[in-house]
Amino acid sequence: MPTSNKLPPRQAGFTLLEMLAVIVLLGVIATIVVSQVGGNVDKGKYGAGKAQLASLSMKIESYALDVGAPPRSLDALVHEPEGANQWFGPYAKASDLRDPFGHEFGYRVPGEHGAFDLIFYGRDGVAGGEDFDADVGNWE
C-alpha cells in the first residue's frame, strides 16, 4: 500500500484574546453571585440567632427547674457551679453560648422582664441597632 504524505489537518484552538474574555466574564458573574449571596448570609445568621436565643432560654429554664433558680452566669449551663444542688447538666454546650456572629449573648439575673433576661445583640454584637443589628430579647 502506498503511504500518504498528507499531514493531519491543523487543529483549531482558542486565542489568547478569547481566553481572556472568558476569564473576565467568569469574574463578573462570580462578583454578582457573591454580592447576592453575601446579603443572604447575614439574614440567615440573624434568623439562626433568634432561634438559638429561644433554645438557650429553654435551657436556662430547665436549669432553673432543676436547681431552683436561673444560673448566675451562662457558664453554669456548661460547668457545674459550686453548691448547686440538683444540677443534672450540662444543659448546654460551650458553643451554644455564642450567637451565629460569634458574640456572647447578653444575660441579666434578675431580669428587668422576668426571672432572667437573655439578649441576642444581632450582627454588631452591641446594644441597639436596626435591621440585622437589632436586638432581640427572650421576653419578646
N, C-alpha and C. Protein backbone atom coordinates (compact mmCIF):
# COMPACT_ATOMS: atom_id res chain seq x y z
N MET A 1 0.83 -1.19 0.00
CA MET A 1 0.00 0.00 0.00
C MET A 1 0.86 1.23 0.00
N PRO A 2 0.46 2.14 -0.78
CA PRO A 2 1.25 3.37 -0.80
C PRO A 2 0.99 4.20 0.44
N THR A 3 1.99 4.83 0.93
CA THR A 3 1.84 5.70 2.10
C THR A 3 1.53 7.10 1.62
N SER A 4 0.77 7.73 2.44
CA SER A 4 0.37 9.10 2.09
C SER A 4 1.26 10.09 2.82
N ASN A 5 1.64 11.09 2.15
CA ASN A 5 2.45 12.14 2.76
C ASN A 5 1.60 13.29 3.28
N LYS A 6 0.31 13.04 3.38
CA LYS A 6 -0.57 14.12 3.85
C LYS A 6 -0.41 14.30 5.36
N LEU A 7 -0.32 15.52 5.79
CA LEU A 7 -0.26 15.85 7.22
C LEU A 7 -1.68 15.91 7.78
N PRO A 8 -1.83 15.57 9.04
CA PRO A 8 -3.17 15.68 9.62
C PRO A 8 -3.62 17.14 9.61
N PRO A 9 -4.93 17.33 9.50
CA PRO A 9 -5.39 18.72 9.48
C PRO A 9 -5.02 19.44 10.77
N ARG A 10 -4.77 20.70 10.65
CA ARG A 10 -4.38 21.51 11.80
C ARG A 10 -5.57 21.73 12.70
N GLN A 11 -5.38 21.53 14.00
CA GLN A 11 -6.47 21.67 14.95
C GLN A 11 -6.60 23.13 15.36
N ALA A 12 -7.84 23.58 15.37
CA ALA A 12 -8.10 24.96 15.77
C ALA A 12 -8.15 25.03 17.30
N GLY A 13 -7.70 26.11 17.88
CA GLY A 13 -7.72 26.30 19.32
C GLY A 13 -8.24 27.68 19.67
N PHE A 14 -8.23 27.99 20.95
CA PHE A 14 -8.67 29.30 21.39
C PHE A 14 -7.50 30.26 21.35
N THR A 15 -7.79 31.49 21.01
CA THR A 15 -6.74 32.50 21.02
C THR A 15 -6.64 33.07 22.43
N LEU A 16 -5.55 33.74 22.68
CA LEU A 16 -5.35 34.36 23.99
C LEU A 16 -6.45 35.37 24.28
N LEU A 17 -6.87 36.11 23.30
CA LEU A 17 -7.93 37.10 23.47
C LEU A 17 -9.24 36.44 23.87
N GLU A 18 -9.58 35.32 23.26
CA GLU A 18 -10.80 34.61 23.62
C GLU A 18 -10.73 34.09 25.05
N MET A 19 -9.58 33.57 25.44
CA MET A 19 -9.41 33.07 26.80
C MET A 19 -9.56 34.19 27.82
N LEU A 20 -8.96 35.34 27.56
CA LEU A 20 -9.08 36.48 28.47
C LEU A 20 -10.53 36.95 28.59
N ALA A 21 -11.26 36.95 27.48
CA ALA A 21 -12.66 37.36 27.50
C ALA A 21 -13.48 36.42 28.39
N VAL A 22 -13.23 35.13 28.31
CA VAL A 22 -13.95 34.16 29.14
C VAL A 22 -13.61 34.36 30.61
N ILE A 23 -12.35 34.59 30.93
CA ILE A 23 -11.94 34.80 32.31
C ILE A 23 -12.59 36.05 32.89
N VAL A 24 -12.63 37.13 32.13
CA VAL A 24 -13.26 38.37 32.60
C VAL A 24 -14.76 38.14 32.81
N LEU A 25 -15.40 37.45 31.90
CA LEU A 25 -16.83 37.16 32.02
C LEU A 25 -17.11 36.32 33.27
N LEU A 26 -16.30 35.31 33.54
CA LEU A 26 -16.48 34.50 34.74
C LEU A 26 -16.27 35.33 36.01
N GLY A 27 -15.33 36.25 35.97
CA GLY A 27 -15.10 37.13 37.11
C GLY A 27 -16.30 38.02 37.39
N VAL A 28 -16.91 38.57 36.34
CA VAL A 28 -18.09 39.42 36.51
C VAL A 28 -19.24 38.61 37.10
N ILE A 29 -19.46 37.41 36.57
CA ILE A 29 -20.53 36.55 37.08
C ILE A 29 -20.28 36.19 38.54
N ALA A 30 -19.05 35.84 38.88
CA ALA A 30 -18.71 35.48 40.26
C ALA A 30 -18.96 36.66 41.21
N THR A 31 -18.63 37.87 40.78
CA THR A 31 -18.85 39.06 41.61
C THR A 31 -20.34 39.26 41.87
N ILE A 32 -21.15 39.08 40.87
CA ILE A 32 -22.60 39.25 41.04
C ILE A 32 -23.15 38.20 42.00
N VAL A 33 -22.74 36.97 41.82
CA VAL A 33 -23.23 35.88 42.69
C VAL A 33 -22.81 36.12 44.13
N VAL A 34 -21.56 36.48 44.37
CA VAL A 34 -21.07 36.70 45.74
C VAL A 34 -21.82 37.85 46.40
N SER A 35 -22.09 38.92 45.67
CA SER A 35 -22.80 40.05 46.27
C SER A 35 -24.24 39.68 46.63
N GLN A 36 -24.88 38.84 45.82
CA GLN A 36 -26.24 38.40 46.12
C GLN A 36 -26.26 37.45 47.32
N VAL A 37 -25.35 36.52 47.37
CA VAL A 37 -25.30 35.54 48.44
C VAL A 37 -24.87 36.20 49.74
N GLY A 38 -23.97 37.17 49.68
CA GLY A 38 -23.47 37.84 50.88
C GLY A 38 -24.57 38.46 51.71
N GLY A 39 -25.56 39.06 51.07
CA GLY A 39 -26.68 39.67 51.80
C GLY A 39 -27.54 38.63 52.49
N ASN A 40 -27.67 37.47 51.87
CA ASN A 40 -28.50 36.42 52.46
C ASN A 40 -27.81 35.72 53.62
N VAL A 41 -26.50 35.77 53.68
CA VAL A 41 -25.78 35.15 54.79
C VAL A 41 -26.14 35.84 56.10
N ASP A 42 -26.13 37.17 56.12
CA ASP A 42 -26.50 37.91 57.33
C ASP A 42 -27.94 37.64 57.73
N LYS A 43 -28.81 37.55 56.74
CA LYS A 43 -30.22 37.27 57.02
C LYS A 43 -30.36 35.89 57.66
N GLY A 44 -29.65 34.91 57.14
CA GLY A 44 -29.69 33.56 57.69
C GLY A 44 -29.12 33.49 59.09
N LYS A 45 -28.00 34.16 59.31
CA LYS A 45 -27.38 34.16 60.64
C LYS A 45 -28.29 34.86 61.65
N TYR A 46 -28.94 35.93 61.24
CA TYR A 46 -29.83 36.66 62.14
C TYR A 46 -31.01 35.77 62.55
N GLY A 47 -31.59 35.07 61.59
CA GLY A 47 -32.68 34.15 61.90
C GLY A 47 -32.22 33.01 62.80
N ALA A 48 -31.03 32.49 62.54
CA ALA A 48 -30.48 31.42 63.38
C ALA A 48 -30.21 31.93 64.79
N GLY A 49 -29.79 33.18 64.92
CA GLY A 49 -29.54 33.77 66.25
C GLY A 49 -30.82 33.88 67.06
N LYS A 50 -31.92 34.24 66.41
CA LYS A 50 -33.20 34.32 67.11
C LYS A 50 -33.66 32.93 67.56
N ALA A 51 -33.45 31.94 66.71
CA ALA A 51 -33.81 30.57 67.09
C ALA A 51 -32.92 30.06 68.23
N GLN A 52 -31.64 30.40 68.18
CA GLN A 52 -30.71 29.98 69.23
C GLN A 52 -31.06 30.66 70.55
N LEU A 53 -31.54 31.90 70.49
CA LEU A 53 -31.98 32.61 71.69
C LEU A 53 -33.11 31.85 72.36
N ALA A 54 -34.08 31.40 71.59
CA ALA A 54 -35.21 30.66 72.14
C ALA A 54 -34.74 29.33 72.75
N SER A 55 -33.84 28.65 72.07
CA SER A 55 -33.33 27.37 72.56
C SER A 55 -32.54 27.56 73.85
N LEU A 56 -31.68 28.56 73.89
CA LEU A 56 -30.88 28.82 75.09
C LEU A 56 -31.77 29.23 76.26
N SER A 57 -32.83 29.97 75.97
CA SER A 57 -33.78 30.37 77.01
C SER A 57 -34.43 29.14 77.64
N MET A 58 -34.78 28.15 76.83
CA MET A 58 -35.37 26.92 77.36
C MET A 58 -34.36 26.14 78.20
N LYS A 59 -33.09 26.19 77.82
CA LYS A 59 -32.05 25.51 78.60
C LYS A 59 -31.88 26.18 79.96
N ILE A 60 -31.99 27.50 79.99
CA ILE A 60 -31.91 28.23 81.27
C ILE A 60 -33.10 27.85 82.15
N GLU A 61 -34.28 27.76 81.55
CA GLU A 61 -35.47 27.39 82.31
C GLU A 61 -35.36 25.96 82.84
N SER A 62 -34.77 25.07 82.06
CA SER A 62 -34.55 23.69 82.52
C SER A 62 -33.61 23.67 83.73
N TYR A 63 -32.54 24.46 83.64
CA TYR A 63 -31.61 24.60 84.77
C TYR A 63 -32.37 25.11 85.99
N ALA A 64 -33.19 26.14 85.80
CA ALA A 64 -33.91 26.75 86.92
C ALA A 64 -34.88 25.75 87.56
N LEU A 65 -35.51 24.90 86.76
CA LEU A 65 -36.41 23.89 87.31
C LEU A 65 -35.65 22.89 88.18
N ASP A 66 -34.45 22.51 87.74
CA ASP A 66 -33.66 21.54 88.50
C ASP A 66 -33.04 22.14 89.75
N VAL A 67 -32.43 23.30 89.62
CA VAL A 67 -31.64 23.90 90.70
C VAL A 67 -32.50 24.79 91.61
N GLY A 68 -33.56 25.37 91.06
CA GLY A 68 -34.43 26.22 91.88
C GLY A 68 -34.37 27.68 91.51
N ALA A 69 -33.39 28.09 90.71
CA ALA A 69 -33.26 29.48 90.29
C ALA A 69 -32.43 29.51 89.00
N PRO A 70 -32.58 30.56 88.20
CA PRO A 70 -31.75 30.66 86.99
C PRO A 70 -30.27 30.78 87.37
N PRO A 71 -29.38 30.37 86.49
CA PRO A 71 -27.95 30.46 86.81
C PRO A 71 -27.50 31.92 86.94
N ARG A 72 -26.47 32.13 87.74
CA ARG A 72 -25.91 33.48 87.89
C ARG A 72 -25.16 33.90 86.62
N SER A 73 -24.62 32.92 85.90
CA SER A 73 -23.95 33.20 84.62
C SER A 73 -24.27 32.06 83.67
N LEU A 74 -24.14 32.31 82.39
CA LEU A 74 -24.43 31.28 81.40
C LEU A 74 -23.44 30.13 81.47
N ASP A 75 -22.28 30.37 82.03
CA ASP A 75 -21.26 29.33 82.16
C ASP A 75 -21.77 28.17 83.04
N ALA A 76 -22.70 28.45 83.95
CA ALA A 76 -23.25 27.42 84.82
C ALA A 76 -24.08 26.40 84.05
N LEU A 77 -24.45 26.71 82.83
CA LEU A 77 -25.16 25.73 81.99
C LEU A 77 -24.21 24.66 81.48
N VAL A 78 -22.92 25.01 81.42
CA VAL A 78 -21.91 24.11 80.87
C VAL A 78 -21.14 23.41 81.98
N HIS A 79 -20.77 24.16 83.01
CA HIS A 79 -19.96 23.64 84.12
C HIS A 79 -20.75 23.76 85.42
N GLU A 80 -20.73 22.72 86.22
CA GLU A 80 -21.48 22.72 87.47
C GLU A 80 -20.91 23.77 88.43
N PRO A 81 -21.76 24.70 88.89
CA PRO A 81 -21.28 25.69 89.86
C PRO A 81 -21.18 25.07 91.25
N GLU A 82 -20.34 25.66 92.07
CA GLU A 82 -20.19 25.16 93.45
C GLU A 82 -21.50 25.33 94.20
N GLY A 83 -21.83 24.32 94.96
CA GLY A 83 -23.00 24.39 95.81
C GLY A 83 -24.33 24.26 95.10
N ALA A 84 -24.33 23.91 93.84
CA ALA A 84 -25.59 23.77 93.11
C ALA A 84 -26.18 22.39 93.39
N ASN A 85 -27.28 22.38 94.11
CA ASN A 85 -27.98 21.12 94.39
C ASN A 85 -28.86 20.77 93.20
N GLN A 86 -28.96 19.50 92.92
CA GLN A 86 -29.82 19.02 91.85
C GLN A 86 -29.40 19.49 90.45
N TRP A 87 -28.10 19.72 90.26
CA TRP A 87 -27.58 20.10 88.93
C TRP A 87 -27.43 18.82 88.12
N PHE A 88 -28.18 18.69 87.04
CA PHE A 88 -28.14 17.50 86.21
C PHE A 88 -27.60 17.80 84.82
N GLY A 89 -26.68 18.73 84.74
CA GLY A 89 -26.15 19.18 83.46
C GLY A 89 -25.07 18.29 82.91
N PRO A 90 -24.40 18.72 81.89
CA PRO A 90 -24.51 20.07 81.34
C PRO A 90 -25.82 20.28 80.57
N TYR A 91 -26.31 21.49 80.64
CA TYR A 91 -27.55 21.86 79.98
C TYR A 91 -27.31 22.42 78.59
N ALA A 92 -26.08 22.81 78.31
CA ALA A 92 -25.73 23.39 77.02
C ALA A 92 -24.27 23.07 76.71
N LYS A 93 -23.91 23.24 75.45
CA LYS A 93 -22.51 23.14 75.03
C LYS A 93 -21.91 24.54 75.06
N ALA A 94 -20.62 24.62 75.17
CA ALA A 94 -19.96 25.93 75.19
C ALA A 94 -20.28 26.72 73.92
N SER A 95 -20.42 26.04 72.80
CA SER A 95 -20.72 26.73 71.54
C SER A 95 -22.13 27.33 71.53
N ASP A 96 -23.03 26.82 72.38
CA ASP A 96 -24.39 27.36 72.47
C ASP A 96 -24.41 28.76 73.09
N LEU A 97 -23.34 29.12 73.78
CA LEU A 97 -23.31 30.40 74.49
C LEU A 97 -22.87 31.55 73.60
N ARG A 98 -22.55 31.27 72.34
CA ARG A 98 -22.18 32.32 71.38
C ARG A 98 -23.18 32.30 70.24
N ASP A 99 -23.55 33.50 69.78
CA ASP A 99 -24.51 33.59 68.69
C ASP A 99 -23.83 33.25 67.34
N PRO A 100 -24.60 33.14 66.26
CA PRO A 100 -24.01 32.79 64.96
C PRO A 100 -22.97 33.78 64.44
N PHE A 101 -22.99 35.01 64.96
CA PHE A 101 -21.99 36.00 64.56
C PHE A 101 -20.74 35.92 65.43
N GLY A 102 -20.74 35.04 66.44
CA GLY A 102 -19.57 34.85 67.29
C GLY A 102 -19.57 35.68 68.56
N HIS A 103 -20.66 36.39 68.84
CA HIS A 103 -20.75 37.24 70.03
C HIS A 103 -21.43 36.49 71.17
N GLU A 104 -21.14 36.91 72.39
CA GLU A 104 -21.83 36.34 73.55
C GLU A 104 -23.23 36.92 73.64
N PHE A 105 -24.15 36.14 74.17
CA PHE A 105 -25.49 36.63 74.43
C PHE A 105 -25.45 37.51 75.67
N GLY A 106 -26.30 38.52 75.72
CA GLY A 106 -26.45 39.32 76.93
C GLY A 106 -27.29 38.54 77.93
N TYR A 107 -26.95 38.64 79.21
CA TYR A 107 -27.67 37.88 80.24
C TYR A 107 -27.70 38.67 81.52
N ARG A 108 -28.90 38.80 82.09
CA ARG A 108 -29.08 39.51 83.37
C ARG A 108 -29.95 38.67 84.30
N VAL A 109 -29.50 38.56 85.56
CA VAL A 109 -30.28 37.89 86.61
C VAL A 109 -30.24 38.76 87.84
N PRO A 110 -31.31 39.19 88.43
CA PRO A 110 -32.67 39.04 87.90
C PRO A 110 -32.85 39.96 86.70
N GLY A 111 -33.77 39.60 85.86
CA GLY A 111 -34.01 40.38 84.64
C GLY A 111 -34.99 41.51 84.87
N GLU A 112 -35.04 42.42 83.95
CA GLU A 112 -36.00 43.52 84.01
C GLU A 112 -37.37 43.08 83.52
N HIS A 113 -37.41 41.95 82.78
CA HIS A 113 -38.66 41.49 82.17
C HIS A 113 -39.11 40.14 82.72
N GLY A 114 -38.38 39.58 83.67
CA GLY A 114 -38.71 38.27 84.24
C GLY A 114 -37.59 37.82 85.15
N ALA A 115 -37.56 36.52 85.41
CA ALA A 115 -36.52 35.98 86.29
C ALA A 115 -35.13 36.19 85.71
N PHE A 116 -35.04 36.20 84.38
CA PHE A 116 -33.77 36.45 83.68
C PHE A 116 -34.06 37.10 82.33
N ASP A 117 -33.12 37.87 81.85
CA ASP A 117 -33.20 38.46 80.51
C ASP A 117 -32.06 37.89 79.68
N LEU A 118 -32.40 37.35 78.54
CA LEU A 118 -31.42 36.84 77.59
C LEU A 118 -31.55 37.68 76.33
N ILE A 119 -30.42 38.21 75.83
CA ILE A 119 -30.48 39.16 74.72
C ILE A 119 -29.53 38.73 73.60
N PHE A 120 -30.08 38.69 72.39
CA PHE A 120 -29.30 38.48 71.17
C PHE A 120 -29.07 39.88 70.59
N TYR A 121 -27.81 40.30 70.50
CA TYR A 121 -27.49 41.67 70.08
C TYR A 121 -27.40 41.86 68.58
N GLY A 122 -27.62 40.83 67.80
CA GLY A 122 -27.60 40.98 66.35
C GLY A 122 -26.19 40.93 65.79
N ARG A 123 -26.07 41.32 64.54
CA ARG A 123 -24.81 41.22 63.80
C ARG A 123 -23.67 42.00 64.44
N ASP A 124 -23.96 43.20 64.97
CA ASP A 124 -22.89 44.05 65.51
C ASP A 124 -22.45 43.65 66.92
N GLY A 125 -23.26 42.88 67.64
CA GLY A 125 -22.88 42.40 68.96
C GLY A 125 -22.95 43.44 70.07
N VAL A 126 -23.55 44.60 69.80
CA VAL A 126 -23.70 45.65 70.82
C VAL A 126 -25.16 46.05 70.92
N ALA A 127 -25.52 46.65 72.05
CA ALA A 127 -26.91 47.05 72.27
C ALA A 127 -27.35 48.10 71.24
N GLY A 128 -28.61 47.99 70.86
CA GLY A 128 -29.18 48.93 69.88
C GLY A 128 -28.93 48.47 68.46
N GLY A 129 -29.44 49.24 67.54
CA GLY A 129 -29.23 48.95 66.13
C GLY A 129 -30.53 48.66 65.40
N GLU A 130 -30.42 48.59 64.09
CA GLU A 130 -31.57 48.34 63.23
C GLU A 130 -31.24 47.22 62.27
N ASP A 131 -32.27 46.70 61.61
CA ASP A 131 -32.14 45.61 60.64
C ASP A 131 -31.45 44.41 61.29
N PHE A 132 -30.32 43.96 60.72
CA PHE A 132 -29.64 42.78 61.25
C PHE A 132 -28.79 43.10 62.48
N ASP A 133 -28.72 44.37 62.87
CA ASP A 133 -28.02 44.77 64.10
C ASP A 133 -28.99 44.94 65.27
N ALA A 134 -30.30 44.76 65.03
CA ALA A 134 -31.31 44.95 66.06
C ALA A 134 -31.22 43.88 67.14
N ASP A 135 -31.53 44.28 68.36
CA ASP A 135 -31.50 43.37 69.49
C ASP A 135 -32.84 42.62 69.60
N VAL A 136 -32.77 41.40 70.12
CA VAL A 136 -33.96 40.59 70.38
C VAL A 136 -33.81 40.00 71.78
N GLY A 137 -34.86 40.11 72.58
CA GLY A 137 -34.82 39.55 73.93
C GLY A 137 -35.74 38.36 74.08
N ASN A 138 -35.51 37.55 75.10
CA ASN A 138 -36.34 36.36 75.31
C ASN A 138 -37.76 36.70 75.75
N TRP A 139 -38.03 37.93 76.12
CA TRP A 139 -39.34 38.34 76.55
C TRP A 139 -40.22 38.80 75.39
N GLU A 140 -39.63 38.92 74.22
CA GLU A 140 -40.39 39.43 73.06
C GLU A 140 -41.10 38.32 72.34
